[in-house]
Amino acid sequence: MLSRPETLTEPEQLQLKTVRTQCPELDALTRHVRSFATMLTDRQGERLPAWLDAVRQDDLPSLHTLAADIGRDIDAVTAGLTLPWSSGAVEGHVNRIKMLSSSRGHRSPRPSQNRT
């Protein structure tokens, strides 16, 4: 379900098709996950409102929670799904610095307990 369909072997495709046929909820979930993955990898953030509407129409409480959370900041999520910029490199450097600092025994300063 989380793999790209074209990477599945023929037996895996058949098994997934059988499971999806027998479980409508799993079929709907698979469609929504794959659709979101396409939006993410192809930078199609403009499709997000339609995706949210489709999710809300199915009886999938976990995805309803996700849709509600996304809806709280839809502009930021749309930008993240559309724009080519990424903070991944910065986050990688921050994590590397944290790792180096912790490996040397440095700790973040603790807030003073005696503040007035």
Protein backbone atom coordinates (compact mmCIF):
# COMPACT_ATOMS: atom_id res chain seq x y z
CA MET A 1 0.00 0.00 0.00
CA LEU A 2 2.85 2.41 0.79
CA SER A 3 5.07 1.23 -2.05
CA ARG A 4 4.94 2.68 -5.50
CA PRO A 5 2.60 0.42 -7.48
CA GLU A 6 5.16 -0.04 -10.25
CA THR A 7 7.70 -1.46 -7.79
CA LEU A 8 5.44 -4.30 -6.63
CA THR A 9 5.95 -7.76 -8.02
CA GLU A 10 3.05 -9.39 -9.84
CA PRO A 11 2.17 -11.60 -6.83
CA GLU A 12 2.30 -8.55 -4.53
CA GLN A 13 0.02 -6.61 -6.88
CA LEU A 14 -2.43 -9.49 -6.96
CA GLN A 15 -2.37 -9.85 -3.18
CA LEU A 16 -2.95 -6.12 -2.66
CA LYS A 17 -5.78 -6.14 -5.21
CA THR A 18 -7.43 -9.04 -3.37
CA VAL A 19 -7.15 -7.32 0.01
CA ARG A 20 -8.42 -4.01 -1.37
CA THR A 21 -11.38 -5.76 -3.00
CA GLN A 22 -12.33 -7.40 0.30
CA CYS A 23 -11.91 -4.27 2.43
CA PRO A 24 -13.45 -1.03 1.13
CA GLU A 25 -11.85 1.01 3.93
CA LEU A 26 -8.39 -0.23 3.02
CA ASP A 27 -9.11 0.48 -0.63
CA ALA A 28 -10.11 4.07 0.18
CA LEU A 29 -7.08 4.51 2.43
CA THR A 30 -4.77 3.22 -0.30
CA ARG A 31 -6.25 5.65 -2.84
CA HIS A 32 -5.84 8.61 -0.48
CA VAL A 33 -2.28 7.70 0.55
CA ARG A 34 -1.19 7.25 -3.06
CA SER A 35 -2.87 10.48 -4.11
CA PHE A 36 -1.14 12.39 -1.32
CA ALA A 37 2.19 10.80 -2.25
CA THR A 38 1.72 11.99 -5.82
CA MET A 39 0.98 15.52 -4.60
CA LEU A 40 4.12 15.42 -2.49
CA THR A 41 6.53 14.00 -5.06
CA ASP A 42 5.17 15.96 -8.03
CA ARG A 43 4.70 19.23 -6.09
CA GLN A 44 0.98 19.45 -6.78
CA GLY A 45 -0.11 21.43 -3.74
CA GLU A 46 -2.97 22.98 -5.70
CA ARG A 47 -4.72 19.59 -5.46
CA LEU A 48 -4.78 19.68 -1.66
CA PRO A 49 -8.30 21.16 -1.20
CA ALA A 50 -9.81 18.48 -3.46
CA TRP A 51 -7.83 15.78 -1.62
CA LEU A 52 -9.10 17.05 1.74
CA ASP A 53 -12.70 17.01 0.45
CA ALA A 54 -12.29 13.45 -0.82
CA VAL A 55 -10.83 12.31 2.52
CA ARG A 56 -13.69 13.89 4.46
CA GLN A 57 -16.25 12.01 2.34
CA ASP A 58 -14.90 8.59 3.36
CA ASP A 59 -15.43 6.94 6.74
CA LEU A 60 -11.78 6.96 7.79
CA PRO A 61 -11.50 8.66 11.22
CA SER A 62 -7.68 8.67 11.26
CA LEU A 63 -7.54 10.49 7.95
CA HIS A 64 -10.27 12.87 9.14
CA THR A 65 -7.94 13.84 12.01
CA LEU A 66 -5.09 14.38 9.55
CA ALA A 67 -7.34 16.44 7.27
CA ALA A 68 -8.46 18.60 10.19
CA ASP A 69 -4.85 19.20 11.24
CA ILE A 70 -3.83 20.09 7.68
CA GLY A 71 -6.84 22.38 7.39
CA ARG A 72 -5.62 24.42 10.38
CA ASP A 73 -2.67 25.66 8.33
CA ILE A 74 -3.63 24.84 4.76
CA ASP A 75 -1.60 27.71 3.28
CA ALA A 76 1.65 26.43 4.81
CA VAL A 77 0.94 22.82 3.80
CA THR A 78 0.02 23.90 0.26
CA ALA A 79 3.27 25.86 0.04
CA GLY A 80 5.21 22.86 1.34
CA LEU A 81 3.63 20.64 -1.31
CA THR A 82 4.18 23.18 -4.09
CA LEU A 83 7.36 25.19 -3.60
CA PRO A 84 10.81 23.82 -4.44
CA TRP A 85 12.51 25.11 -1.28
CA SER A 86 13.43 22.78 1.53
CA SER A 87 14.84 23.24 5.01
CA GLY A 88 16.19 19.70 4.90
CA ALA A 89 19.83 20.76 4.60
CA VAL A 90 19.52 23.18 7.51
CA GLU A 91 17.77 20.56 9.64
CA GLY A 92 20.54 18.11 8.82
CA HIS A 93 23.20 20.56 10.02
CA VAL A 94 21.26 21.32 13.21
CA ASN A 95 20.94 17.61 13.97
CA ARG A 96 24.64 17.06 13.28
CA ILE A 97 25.59 19.90 15.64
CA LYS A 98 23.31 18.48 18.35
CA MET A 99 24.84 15.04 17.92
CA LEU A 100 28.40 16.38 18.11
CA SER A 101 27.55 18.46 21.15
CA SER A 102 25.92 15.56 22.99
CA SER A 103 28.78 13.21 22.14
CA ARG A 104 31.16 15.62 23.86
CA GLY A 105 29.03 15.75 26.99
CA HIS A 106 27.73 19.28 26.47
CA ARG A 107 24.27 19.96 27.69
CA SER A 108 21.84 22.70 26.98
CA PRO A 109 21.87 25.32 29.70
CA ARG A 110 19.10 24.83 32.20
CA PRO A 111 16.89 27.81 32.98
CA SER A 112 17.71 29.40 36.31
CA GLN A 113 15.46 28.28 39.16
CA ASN A 114 15.95 31.54 41.04
CA ARG A 115 14.62 34.05 38.56
CA THR A 116 12.97 37.12 39.96
